[in-house]
N, C-alpha and C. Protein backbone atom coordinates (compact mmCIF):
# COMPACT_ATOMS: atom_id res chain seq x y z
N UNK A 1 -15.93 35.70 -6.10
CA UNK A 1 -17.21 35.15 -6.27
C UNK A 1 -18.10 35.41 -5.72
N UNK A 2 -19.60 35.59 -6.11
CA UNK A 2 -20.09 35.32 -4.96
C UNK A 2 -21.61 34.56 -5.10
N UNK A 3 -21.88 34.37 -4.27
CA UNK A 3 -22.88 32.94 -4.05
C UNK A 3 -24.01 33.25 -5.39
N UNK A 4 -24.75 32.38 -5.09
CA UNK A 4 -26.20 32.79 -6.49
C UNK A 4 -27.31 32.90 -5.02
N UNK A 5 -27.68 33.56 -5.40
CA UNK A 5 -28.92 34.45 -4.51
C UNK A 5 -29.80 33.29 -5.32
N UNK A 6 -31.40 33.83 -4.93
CA UNK A 6 -32.46 33.08 -5.15
C UNK A 6 -33.26 33.48 -6.36
N UNK A 7 -32.74 32.17 -7.45
CA UNK A 7 -32.37 32.89 -8.27
C UNK A 7 -34.10 32.91 -8.73
N UNK A 8 -34.88 32.78 -8.86
CA UNK A 8 -36.33 32.86 -9.54
C UNK A 8 -36.93 34.60 -8.63
N UNK A 9 -35.99 34.98 -7.80
CA UNK A 9 -36.64 35.87 -7.04
C UNK A 9 -36.10 37.13 -7.89
N UNK A 10 -36.20 38.10 -8.67
CA UNK A 10 -35.14 39.07 -8.95
C UNK A 10 -35.98 40.42 -9.42
N UNK A 11 -35.66 41.56 -8.42
CA UNK A 11 -35.93 42.99 -9.09
C UNK A 11 -34.80 43.13 -9.77
N UNK A 12 -35.96 43.26 -10.83
CA UNK A 12 -34.82 43.78 -12.47
C UNK A 12 -34.64 44.97 -12.39
N UNK A 13 -35.19 46.05 -11.77
CA UNK A 13 -34.91 47.88 -11.63
C UNK A 13 -33.81 47.89 -10.63
N UNK A 14 -33.57 46.75 -10.10
CA UNK A 14 -31.78 47.08 -9.74
C UNK A 14 -30.62 46.56 -10.19
N UNK A 15 -31.19 46.22 -11.08
CA UNK A 15 -29.84 45.69 -12.05
C UNK A 15 -30.16 46.65 -13.17
N UNK A 16 -28.34 46.86 -13.86
CA UNK A 16 -28.57 47.63 -14.81
C UNK A 16 -28.66 47.49 -16.32
N UNK A 17 -29.48 47.60 -17.00
CA UNK A 17 -30.05 46.83 -18.25
C UNK A 17 -29.18 47.47 -19.43
N UNK A 18 -29.31 46.71 -20.37
CA UNK A 18 -28.34 46.43 -21.40
C UNK A 18 -28.87 47.55 -22.22
N UNK A 19 -28.10 47.68 -22.80
CA UNK A 19 -27.76 49.08 -24.18
C UNK A 19 -28.10 48.42 -25.47
N UNK A 20 -28.88 48.78 -26.36
CA UNK A 20 -28.31 48.25 -28.03
C UNK A 20 -27.03 48.77 -28.71
N UNK A 21 -26.30 47.95 -28.67
CA UNK A 21 -24.55 48.53 -29.19
C UNK A 21 -24.79 47.60 -30.64
N UNK A 22 -26.00 47.86 -31.32
CA UNK A 22 -25.76 47.55 -32.57
C UNK A 22 -25.77 46.21 -33.49
N UNK A 23 -24.54 45.51 -31.87
CA UNK A 23 -23.84 43.96 -32.53
C UNK A 23 -24.84 42.67 -33.34
N UNK A 24 -26.00 42.98 -33.22
CA UNK A 24 -27.04 42.52 -33.65
C UNK A 24 -27.66 42.45 -34.82
N UNK A 25 -27.84 43.48 -35.61
CA UNK A 25 -28.13 44.49 -36.58
C UNK A 25 -28.27 43.84 -37.41
N UNK A 26 -26.96 43.18 -37.94
CA UNK A 26 -26.94 42.05 -39.20
C UNK A 26 -27.43 40.96 -39.68
N UNK A 27 -28.06 40.75 -38.20
CA UNK A 27 -28.33 39.27 -38.23
C UNK A 27 -29.79 39.06 -39.51
N UNK A 28 -30.92 40.00 -38.68
CA UNK A 28 -31.77 39.75 -39.93
C UNK A 28 -32.15 39.55 -41.12
N UNK A 29 -32.39 37.90 -41.66
CA UNK A 29 -32.08 37.54 -43.32
C UNK A 29 -30.68 36.85 -43.37
N UNK A 30 -29.69 36.99 -42.54
CA UNK A 30 -28.87 35.59 -42.42
C UNK A 30 -29.01 34.68 -42.30
N UNK A 31 -28.86 33.73 -43.29
CA UNK A 31 -28.88 32.54 -43.35
C UNK A 31 -28.19 31.54 -42.67
N UNK A 32 -28.42 30.56 -42.10
CA UNK A 32 -27.52 30.32 -40.73
C UNK A 32 -26.46 29.30 -41.29
N UNK A 33 -25.24 29.26 -40.92
CA UNK A 33 -24.29 28.41 -41.58
C UNK A 33 -24.81 26.88 -41.03
N UNK A 34 -23.89 25.80 -41.49
CA UNK A 34 -24.24 24.09 -40.59
C UNK A 34 -23.83 23.79 -40.38
N UNK A 35 -23.78 23.95 -38.86
CA UNK A 35 -22.69 23.70 -38.21
C UNK A 35 -23.73 22.81 -37.11
N UNK A 36 -22.88 21.47 -36.24
CA UNK A 36 -23.44 21.05 -35.45
C UNK A 36 -23.36 21.23 -34.45
N UNK A 37 -24.43 21.17 -33.69
CA UNK A 37 -24.53 21.83 -31.74
C UNK A 37 -24.31 20.53 -31.19
N UNK A 38 -23.96 20.45 -30.55
CA UNK A 38 -24.49 19.00 -29.23
C UNK A 38 -25.39 20.03 -28.28
N UNK A 39 -26.76 18.62 -28.15
CA UNK A 39 -28.02 19.04 -26.97
C UNK A 39 -27.81 18.35 -26.23
N UNK A 40 -28.53 18.86 -25.33
CA UNK A 40 -28.77 18.36 -23.66
C UNK A 40 -29.54 16.83 -23.74
N UNK A 41 -30.14 16.53 -25.03
CA UNK A 41 -30.88 15.48 -25.37
C UNK A 41 -29.73 14.08 -26.10
N UNK A 42 -28.81 14.70 -26.28
CA UNK A 42 -27.47 13.82 -26.83
C UNK A 42 -27.09 13.96 -28.04
N UNK A 43 -28.43 14.64 -28.71
CA UNK A 43 -28.37 14.36 -30.32
C UNK A 43 -27.53 16.52 -30.89
N UNK A 44 -27.29 15.95 -32.21
CA UNK A 44 -26.68 16.83 -33.04
C UNK A 44 -27.94 17.86 -33.42
N UNK A 45 -27.70 18.79 -33.63
CA UNK A 45 -28.57 19.71 -33.77
C UNK A 45 -27.92 20.82 -35.47
N UNK A 46 -28.40 21.18 -36.15
CA UNK A 46 -28.07 21.66 -37.35
C UNK A 46 -29.03 22.74 -37.86
N UNK A 47 -29.28 23.97 -36.77
CA UNK A 47 -30.30 25.14 -36.99
C UNK A 47 -30.59 25.06 -38.64
N UNK A 48 -29.23 24.87 -39.62
CA UNK A 48 -29.37 25.19 -40.75
C UNK A 48 -30.38 24.61 -41.38
N UNK A 49 -30.48 23.18 -41.00
CA UNK A 49 -31.82 22.09 -40.99
C UNK A 49 -32.95 22.16 -41.14
N UNK A 50 -33.22 23.39 -40.01
CA UNK A 50 -35.11 22.49 -39.15
C UNK A 50 -35.11 23.93 -40.55
N UNK A 51 -36.95 22.47 -40.21
CA UNK A 51 -37.74 23.36 -41.37
C UNK A 51 -38.93 24.02 -40.12
N UNK A 52 -39.26 24.90 -40.68
CA UNK A 52 -40.61 25.86 -40.28
C UNK A 52 -39.95 26.80 -39.72
N UNK A 53 -40.69 27.33 -38.78
CA UNK A 53 -40.16 27.85 -37.20
C UNK A 53 -39.73 27.49 -36.41
N UNK A 54 -38.37 28.45 -35.96
CA UNK A 54 -37.94 28.03 -34.53
C UNK A 54 -37.42 28.87 -34.07
N UNK A 55 -37.15 28.95 -32.66
CA UNK A 55 -36.87 30.04 -31.70
C UNK A 55 -35.44 29.32 -31.16
N UNK A 56 -34.42 30.57 -30.70
CA UNK A 56 -33.50 29.91 -30.37
C UNK A 56 -32.94 31.39 -29.24
N UNK A 57 -33.12 31.16 -27.93
CA UNK A 57 -32.21 32.07 -27.22
C UNK A 57 -30.95 31.77 -26.42
N UNK A 58 -30.43 33.07 -26.85
CA UNK A 58 -28.69 32.69 -26.47
C UNK A 58 -28.64 33.67 -25.39
N UNK A 59 -27.84 32.83 -24.40
CA UNK A 59 -28.35 33.45 -23.19
C UNK A 59 -26.43 33.01 -22.65
N UNK A 60 -25.80 34.12 -21.63
CA UNK A 60 -24.52 33.89 -21.21
C UNK A 60 -24.30 32.46 -20.32
N UNK A 61 -24.82 32.68 -19.35
CA UNK A 61 -24.47 31.09 -18.60
C UNK A 61 -25.49 30.91 -17.41
N UNK A 62 -26.11 30.09 -17.02
CA UNK A 62 -27.09 29.57 -16.36
C UNK A 62 -26.21 29.22 -15.12
N UNK A 63 -26.59 29.30 -13.83
CA UNK A 63 -25.94 29.45 -12.42
C UNK A 63 -26.32 28.23 -11.64
N UNK A 64 -25.44 27.91 -11.11
CA UNK A 64 -25.81 26.02 -10.73
C UNK A 64 -25.71 26.50 -8.58
N UNK A 65 -26.75 26.19 -8.53
CA UNK A 65 -26.42 25.79 -6.95
C UNK A 65 -25.69 26.16 -5.85
N UNK A 66 -24.97 25.25 -6.42
CA UNK A 66 -23.42 24.55 -6.00
C UNK A 66 -22.48 25.54 -6.32
N UNK A 67 -22.61 26.49 -7.07
CA UNK A 67 -21.01 27.09 -7.44
C UNK A 67 -21.47 28.28 -7.90
N UNK A 68 -20.65 28.95 -7.50
CA UNK A 68 -20.91 30.73 -7.49
C UNK A 68 -20.41 31.73 -8.87
N UNK A 69 -21.76 32.29 -8.93
CA UNK A 69 -21.04 33.45 -9.90
C UNK A 69 -19.95 34.06 -10.01
N UNK A 70 -19.75 34.14 -11.34
CA UNK A 70 -18.38 35.31 -11.73
C UNK A 70 -18.49 36.62 -10.34
N UNK A 71 -17.12 36.94 -9.70
CA UNK A 71 -17.47 38.43 -9.12
C UNK A 71 -18.45 39.49 -9.67
N UNK A 72 -19.68 40.77 -9.32
CA UNK A 72 -19.53 41.79 -10.01
C UNK A 72 -20.50 41.12 -11.18
N UNK A 73 -21.01 39.97 -11.12
CA UNK A 73 -22.29 39.51 -12.11
C UNK A 73 -23.57 40.06 -12.16
N UNK A 74 -23.63 40.74 -11.13
CA UNK A 74 -24.86 41.45 -11.38
C UNK A 74 -24.79 42.93 -11.74
N UNK A 75 -23.24 43.38 -11.95
CA UNK A 75 -23.26 44.21 -12.32
C UNK A 75 -22.91 44.51 -13.99
N UNK A 76 -22.79 43.50 -14.43
CA UNK A 76 -23.23 43.74 -15.71
C UNK A 76 -24.40 43.46 -16.46
N UNK A 77 -24.42 44.62 -16.81
CA UNK A 77 -25.56 44.60 -17.71
C UNK A 77 -26.27 43.44 -18.65
N UNK A 78 -26.87 43.16 -18.74
CA UNK A 78 -28.29 41.74 -19.08
C UNK A 78 -27.43 40.33 -18.81
N UNK A 79 -26.99 40.67 -17.67
CA UNK A 79 -26.18 39.08 -17.12
C UNK A 79 -26.85 38.87 -16.73
N UNK A 80 -27.58 39.08 -15.81
CA UNK A 80 -28.37 38.21 -14.75
C UNK A 80 -29.31 37.98 -15.39
N UNK A 81 -30.05 37.01 -14.85
CA UNK A 81 -31.77 36.25 -15.69
C UNK A 81 -31.67 35.19 -16.79
N UNK A 82 -30.41 34.31 -16.70
CA UNK A 82 -30.44 33.28 -17.68
C UNK A 82 -31.92 31.84 -16.77
N UNK A 83 -31.49 31.35 -15.86
CA UNK A 83 -32.39 30.56 -15.13
C UNK A 83 -33.56 31.42 -14.92
N UNK A 84 -34.27 32.73 -14.89
CA UNK A 84 -35.28 33.07 -14.93
C UNK A 84 -36.13 33.41 -16.97
N UNK A 85 -35.27 33.14 -17.80
CA UNK A 85 -35.54 33.57 -19.22
C UNK A 85 -35.43 32.10 -19.68
N UNK A 86 -35.47 30.87 -19.22
CA UNK A 86 -35.18 29.64 -19.13
C UNK A 86 -36.49 28.61 -18.72
N UNK A 87 -36.85 29.57 -17.69
CA UNK A 87 -38.29 29.14 -16.81
C UNK A 87 -39.43 29.66 -17.73
N UNK A 88 -38.99 31.07 -18.14
CA UNK A 88 -40.43 31.37 -18.23
C UNK A 88 -40.56 30.59 -20.33
N UNK A 89 -39.49 30.57 -20.84
CA UNK A 89 -39.58 29.70 -22.32
C UNK A 89 -40.34 28.03 -21.24
N UNK A 90 -39.56 27.49 -20.72
CA UNK A 90 -40.26 26.63 -20.14
C UNK A 90 -41.93 26.67 -19.85
N UNK A 91 -42.20 27.78 -19.30
CA UNK A 91 -43.36 27.67 -18.55
C UNK A 91 -44.23 28.29 -20.09
N UNK A 92 -44.02 28.75 -21.27
CA UNK A 92 -44.85 29.03 -22.58
C UNK A 92 -44.38 28.24 -23.76
N UNK A 93 -44.09 27.09 -23.77
CA UNK A 93 -43.34 26.14 -24.31
C UNK A 93 -44.46 25.90 -25.27
N UNK A 94 -45.56 25.25 -24.46
CA UNK A 94 -47.00 25.20 -25.33
C UNK A 94 -48.10 26.03 -26.36
N UNK A 95 -47.03 26.93 -25.14
CA UNK A 95 -48.10 28.15 -26.09
C UNK A 95 -47.39 28.47 -27.70
N UNK A 96 -46.68 28.47 -27.55
CA UNK A 96 -45.49 28.48 -29.03
C UNK A 96 -45.47 27.46 -29.41
N UNK A 97 -45.33 26.32 -29.55
CA UNK A 97 -46.17 24.67 -30.22
C UNK A 97 -47.28 25.57 -30.92
N UNK A 98 -48.49 26.13 -30.30
CA UNK A 98 -49.28 26.62 -30.78
C UNK A 98 -49.28 27.80 -31.46
N UNK A 99 -48.53 28.11 -31.77
CA UNK A 99 -47.80 29.43 -32.69
C UNK A 99 -47.20 28.84 -33.52
N UNK A 100 -47.02 27.49 -33.94
CA UNK A 100 -46.16 26.72 -35.04
C UNK A 100 -44.84 27.33 -34.56
N UNK A 101 -44.32 27.13 -33.63
CA UNK A 101 -43.21 26.78 -33.42
C UNK A 101 -42.68 25.59 -33.86
N UNK A 102 -41.75 24.97 -34.25
CA UNK A 102 -41.43 23.64 -34.37
C UNK A 102 -40.73 23.49 -33.79
N UNK A 103 -39.38 23.98 -32.89
CA UNK A 103 -38.36 23.38 -32.14
C UNK A 103 -37.51 25.50 -31.47
N UNK A 104 -37.72 24.85 -30.30
CA UNK A 104 -37.00 25.74 -29.39
C UNK A 104 -36.10 25.43 -28.45
N UNK A 105 -34.80 26.50 -28.62
CA UNK A 105 -33.75 25.56 -28.09
C UNK A 105 -33.14 27.38 -27.52
N UNK A 106 -32.19 26.50 -26.50
CA UNK A 106 -31.11 27.61 -25.71
C UNK A 106 -30.37 27.00 -25.93
N UNK A 107 -29.73 28.17 -25.83
CA UNK A 107 -28.17 29.01 -26.70
C UNK A 107 -26.85 28.99 -25.73
N UNK A 108 -25.99 28.08 -26.01
CA UNK A 108 -24.94 29.11 -24.57
C UNK A 108 -23.31 28.66 -24.72
N UNK A 109 -22.18 28.99 -24.59
CA UNK A 109 -21.27 28.50 -24.89
C UNK A 109 -20.76 27.50 -23.60
N UNK A 110 -21.23 27.43 -22.39
CA UNK A 110 -21.03 26.34 -22.05
C UNK A 110 -21.55 24.84 -22.46
N UNK A 111 -20.87 23.62 -21.74
CA UNK A 111 -20.10 22.48 -22.30
C UNK A 111 -21.64 21.79 -22.18
N UNK A 112 -22.15 20.88 -22.72
CA UNK A 112 -23.45 19.82 -22.77
C UNK A 112 -23.70 19.54 -21.55
N UNK A 113 -22.22 18.79 -20.69
CA UNK A 113 -22.66 18.44 -18.98
C UNK A 113 -23.33 19.42 -18.20
N UNK A 114 -22.51 20.72 -18.51
CA UNK A 114 -22.68 21.28 -17.55
C UNK A 114 -24.70 22.21 -17.86
N UNK A 115 -25.03 22.41 -18.90
CA UNK A 115 -26.22 22.57 -19.42
C UNK A 115 -27.14 21.18 -19.00
N UNK A 116 -26.95 20.38 -19.39
CA UNK A 116 -27.66 19.32 -18.79
C UNK A 116 -28.00 19.49 -17.33
N UNK A 117 -27.22 19.49 -16.87
CA UNK A 117 -27.53 19.30 -15.46
C UNK A 117 -28.90 20.66 -15.21
N UNK A 118 -28.60 22.10 -15.88
CA UNK A 118 -29.72 23.39 -15.81
C UNK A 118 -31.30 22.48 -15.96
N UNK A 119 -30.61 21.89 -17.46
CA UNK A 119 -31.64 21.43 -18.18
C UNK A 119 -32.66 20.47 -17.71
N UNK A 120 -31.64 19.91 -16.37
CA UNK A 120 -32.69 18.75 -15.42
C UNK A 120 -33.41 19.36 -14.73
N UNK A 121 -32.87 20.35 -13.59
CA UNK A 121 -32.97 21.07 -12.42
C UNK A 121 -34.34 21.58 -12.97
N UNK A 122 -33.90 22.30 -14.01
CA UNK A 122 -35.14 23.22 -14.14
C UNK A 122 -36.60 22.42 -15.56
N UNK A 123 -36.38 21.28 -15.34
CA UNK A 123 -37.53 20.46 -15.86
C UNK A 123 -37.75 21.75 -17.64
N UNK A 124 -36.65 21.66 -18.14
CA UNK A 124 -36.76 22.09 -19.35
C UNK A 124 -37.51 21.19 -20.66
N UNK A 125 -38.63 21.51 -21.64
CA UNK A 125 -39.45 20.36 -21.59
C UNK A 125 -38.55 20.62 -23.57
N UNK A 126 -37.42 21.57 -24.01
CA UNK A 126 -36.85 21.59 -24.93
C UNK A 126 -34.92 21.40 -24.67
N UNK A 127 -34.68 20.94 -25.66
CA UNK A 127 -32.83 20.88 -25.30
C UNK A 127 -32.12 22.12 -25.51
N UNK A 128 -30.63 22.56 -24.68
CA UNK A 128 -29.49 23.16 -24.33
C UNK A 128 -28.63 23.00 -25.64
N UNK A 129 -28.69 23.96 -26.50
CA UNK A 129 -27.44 23.59 -27.62
C UNK A 129 -26.30 24.50 -27.03
N UNK A 130 -25.00 23.41 -27.26
CA UNK A 130 -23.45 23.87 -26.74
C UNK A 130 -23.18 24.42 -27.73
N UNK A 131 -22.39 25.82 -27.85
CA UNK A 131 -21.57 26.63 -28.92
C UNK A 131 -20.28 26.12 -28.18
N UNK A 132 -19.41 25.45 -27.08
CA UNK A 132 -18.27 25.44 -26.56
C UNK A 132 -17.07 25.90 -27.17
N UNK A 133 -17.22 25.64 -28.89
CA UNK A 133 -16.27 25.83 -29.40
C UNK A 133 -16.01 26.72 -30.18
N UNK A 134 -17.46 28.00 -30.04
CA UNK A 134 -18.04 29.22 -30.68
C UNK A 134 -17.68 29.23 -31.82
N UNK A 135 -18.45 27.63 -32.82
CA UNK A 135 -18.47 28.00 -34.07
C UNK A 135 -19.47 28.44 -34.55
N UNK A 136 -20.77 28.50 -34.11
CA UNK A 136 -22.11 29.28 -34.44
C UNK A 136 -21.85 30.62 -34.30
N UNK A 137 -21.41 30.86 -33.04
CA UNK A 137 -21.33 32.71 -32.29
C UNK A 137 -20.24 33.42 -32.88
N UNK A 138 -18.98 32.98 -33.37
CA UNK A 138 -18.35 33.48 -34.24
C UNK A 138 -19.13 33.75 -35.98
N UNK A 139 -19.13 32.15 -36.45
CA UNK A 139 -20.19 32.50 -38.36
C UNK A 139 -20.94 33.67 -38.06
N UNK A 140 -21.70 33.90 -36.86
CA UNK A 140 -22.99 34.49 -37.19
C UNK A 140 -22.40 36.21 -36.49
N UNK A 141 -21.57 35.68 -36.27
CA UNK A 141 -20.86 37.32 -35.58
C UNK A 141 -21.82 37.35 -34.48
N UNK A 142 -22.37 37.04 -33.66
CA UNK A 142 -23.10 37.02 -32.22
C UNK A 142 -22.94 38.11 -31.10
N UNK A 143 -23.00 38.81 -30.21
CA UNK A 143 -23.39 39.34 -29.58
C UNK A 143 -22.04 38.62 -28.11
N UNK A 144 -21.07 39.27 -28.00
CA UNK A 144 -20.44 37.95 -27.18
C UNK A 144 -20.09 39.03 -25.87
N UNK A 145 -19.53 38.88 -24.72
CA UNK A 145 -19.24 39.24 -23.69
C UNK A 145 -17.70 38.39 -22.74
N UNK A 146 -16.98 38.63 -22.05
CA UNK A 146 -16.01 37.97 -21.64
C UNK A 146 -15.85 38.37 -20.35
N UNK A 147 -15.71 37.28 -18.93
CA UNK A 147 -15.95 37.39 -18.07
C UNK A 147 -15.33 36.50 -17.05
N UNK A 148 -14.27 36.89 -16.06
CA UNK A 148 -13.50 35.62 -15.44
C UNK A 148 -13.42 35.18 -16.31
N UNK A 149 -12.60 35.31 -17.66
CA UNK A 149 -11.63 34.47 -18.39
C UNK A 149 -12.49 33.70 -19.32
N UNK A 150 -13.83 33.50 -19.64
CA UNK A 150 -14.90 33.04 -19.90
C UNK A 150 -15.33 33.89 -21.45
N UNK A 151 -15.80 33.33 -22.09
CA UNK A 151 -16.12 34.17 -23.61
C UNK A 151 -17.92 33.79 -23.66
N UNK A 152 -18.78 34.84 -23.52
CA UNK A 152 -20.26 34.60 -22.70
C UNK A 152 -21.28 34.85 -24.06
N UNK A 153 -22.09 34.80 -24.73
CA UNK A 153 -23.40 35.64 -25.23
C UNK A 153 -23.84 36.38 -24.73
N UNK A 154 -24.01 37.26 -25.60
CA UNK A 154 -24.67 38.51 -24.63
C UNK A 154 -26.12 37.89 -25.32
N UNK A 155 -27.20 38.36 -24.40
CA UNK A 155 -28.91 37.75 -24.17
C UNK A 155 -29.11 38.29 -25.56
N UNK A 156 -30.02 37.16 -26.71
CA UNK A 156 -30.74 37.37 -27.65
C UNK A 156 -31.46 36.91 -28.03
N UNK A 157 -32.36 36.61 -28.99
CA UNK A 157 -33.47 35.78 -28.56
C UNK A 157 -33.63 35.87 -30.53
N UNK A 158 -33.56 34.70 -31.58
CA UNK A 158 -33.94 34.30 -32.71
C UNK A 158 -34.67 34.09 -33.08
N UNK A 159 -36.10 33.95 -34.03
CA UNK A 159 -37.10 33.47 -34.39
C UNK A 159 -36.19 33.12 -35.19
N UNK A 160 -36.09 32.02 -36.63
CA UNK A 160 -35.63 31.27 -37.63
C UNK A 160 -36.86 30.72 -38.06
N UNK A 161 -36.34 30.72 -39.58
CA UNK A 161 -37.58 30.64 -40.50
C UNK A 161 -36.73 29.45 -41.67
N UNK A 162 -36.85 28.55 -41.60
CA UNK A 162 -36.41 27.63 -42.72
C UNK A 162 -34.98 28.24 -43.08
N UNK A 163 -34.30 27.97 -41.56
CA UNK A 163 -32.58 27.79 -42.04
C UNK A 163 -31.96 29.38 -42.28
N UNK A 164 -33.16 30.21 -42.13
CA UNK A 164 -32.77 31.85 -42.28
C UNK A 164 -33.03 32.75 -40.88
N UNK A 165 -32.18 33.97 -40.25
CA UNK A 165 -32.97 34.37 -39.27
C UNK A 165 -34.26 35.39 -39.47
N UNK A 166 -34.88 35.73 -39.23
CA UNK A 166 -36.41 35.73 -39.49
C UNK A 166 -36.24 37.40 -38.71
N UNK A 167 -36.22 36.94 -37.79
CA UNK A 167 -36.23 38.19 -36.55
C UNK A 167 -35.18 38.40 -35.24
N UNK A 168 -35.09 39.56 -34.59
CA UNK A 168 -34.10 38.72 -33.83
C UNK A 168 -34.11 40.05 -32.41
N UNK A 169 -34.31 39.72 -31.28
CA UNK A 169 -34.92 40.79 -29.89
C UNK A 169 -33.31 41.22 -29.74
N UNK A 170 -32.90 42.01 -29.52
CA UNK A 170 -31.59 42.22 -28.40
C UNK A 170 -31.94 43.92 -28.87
N UNK A 171 -31.16 44.25 -27.34
CA UNK A 171 -30.82 43.43 -26.22
C UNK A 171 -32.54 43.36 -25.64
N UNK A 172 -32.26 41.58 -25.14
CA UNK A 172 -33.01 41.17 -24.13
C UNK A 172 -33.26 41.51 -22.78
N UNK A 173 -33.93 42.25 -22.43
CA UNK A 173 -34.48 42.76 -20.67
C UNK A 173 -36.13 43.06 -20.74
N UNK A 174 -36.41 42.61 -19.38
CA UNK A 174 -35.81 41.71 -18.57
C UNK A 174 -35.83 40.53 -19.25
N UNK A 175 -34.73 39.69 -18.73
CA UNK A 175 -35.30 38.26 -19.08
C UNK A 175 -36.43 37.10 -19.15
N UNK A 176 -36.85 37.62 -18.33
CA UNK A 176 -38.02 36.49 -17.95
C UNK A 176 -39.59 36.97 -19.02
N UNK A 177 -39.24 38.02 -19.27
CA UNK A 177 -39.86 39.00 -20.33
C UNK A 177 -40.20 38.35 -22.07
N UNK A 178 -38.95 37.31 -21.54
CA UNK A 178 -39.01 37.37 -23.36
C UNK A 178 -39.23 36.59 -24.32
N UNK A 179 -40.22 35.27 -23.65
CA UNK A 179 -40.52 34.08 -24.21
C UNK A 179 -42.42 35.39 -24.57
N UNK A 180 -42.48 35.84 -23.67
CA UNK A 180 -43.35 36.68 -24.01
C UNK A 180 -43.14 37.89 -25.19
N UNK A 181 -42.78 38.52 -25.24
CA UNK A 181 -42.18 39.33 -26.47
C UNK A 181 -42.31 38.54 -27.77
N UNK A 182 -41.57 37.36 -27.47
CA UNK A 182 -41.50 36.32 -28.90
C UNK A 182 -43.02 35.67 -28.97
N UNK A 183 -44.33 36.06 -28.16
CA UNK A 183 -45.60 35.06 -28.46
C UNK A 183 -46.15 36.32 -29.09
N UNK A 184 -45.59 37.62 -28.39
CA UNK A 184 -46.62 38.92 -28.90
C UNK A 184 -45.54 38.89 -30.56
N UNK A 185 -44.86 38.64 -30.83
CA UNK A 185 -44.20 39.24 -31.84
C UNK A 185 -44.92 37.68 -33.04
N UNK A 186 -44.64 36.57 -32.40
CA UNK A 186 -45.64 35.34 -33.32
C UNK A 186 -47.05 36.19 -33.54
N UNK A 187 -48.07 36.64 -32.76
CA UNK A 187 -49.36 36.54 -32.97
C UNK A 187 -49.49 37.52 -34.43
N UNK A 188 -48.52 38.49 -34.76
CA UNK A 188 -48.74 39.97 -35.40
C UNK A 188 -47.63 38.86 -36.67
N UNK A 189 -46.85 37.98 -36.82
CA UNK A 189 -46.35 38.10 -38.22
C UNK A 189 -46.72 36.19 -38.31
N UNK A 190 -48.17 35.66 -38.31
CA UNK A 190 -48.21 34.30 -38.70
C UNK A 190 -48.70 34.09 -39.30
């Protein structure tokens, strides 16, 4: 396993870019299943019950300063960048709210205690949702990858409206631009 490099300084041009494998093509227009996910606020969230617009960005896994990343992490297209992506959504959360985004969430298959450390360390003003049992990713057939014995999300961002998937960004690269891509789309679809 390799140690975490400085997570905030990434030269995206040196990392392999993910390709659109079509694994998210079926999502637009899908109704969300009623599945309760534990959030880092300690509440359960059922995305199918949310009214208005919501943004959910699914990511593989956040790194921790005290925990090595899986071997070869930077060589996996789209794996690197969960912290920069989360920080970008943090930094643009107020602008998203002005564009009528009622709810903003990060989503991973990591458990809530692991996510809570990241949410606190990164000062996220929105909750992270745990799908550790892979209930939502299985029901929606979200794109996944296996790394070091773990089943992880491939990076994608969904715009939800009243319990249905309105738009999907997939693949997402570079991850730190994801929030700006969402903002641009929302400005043209308000």
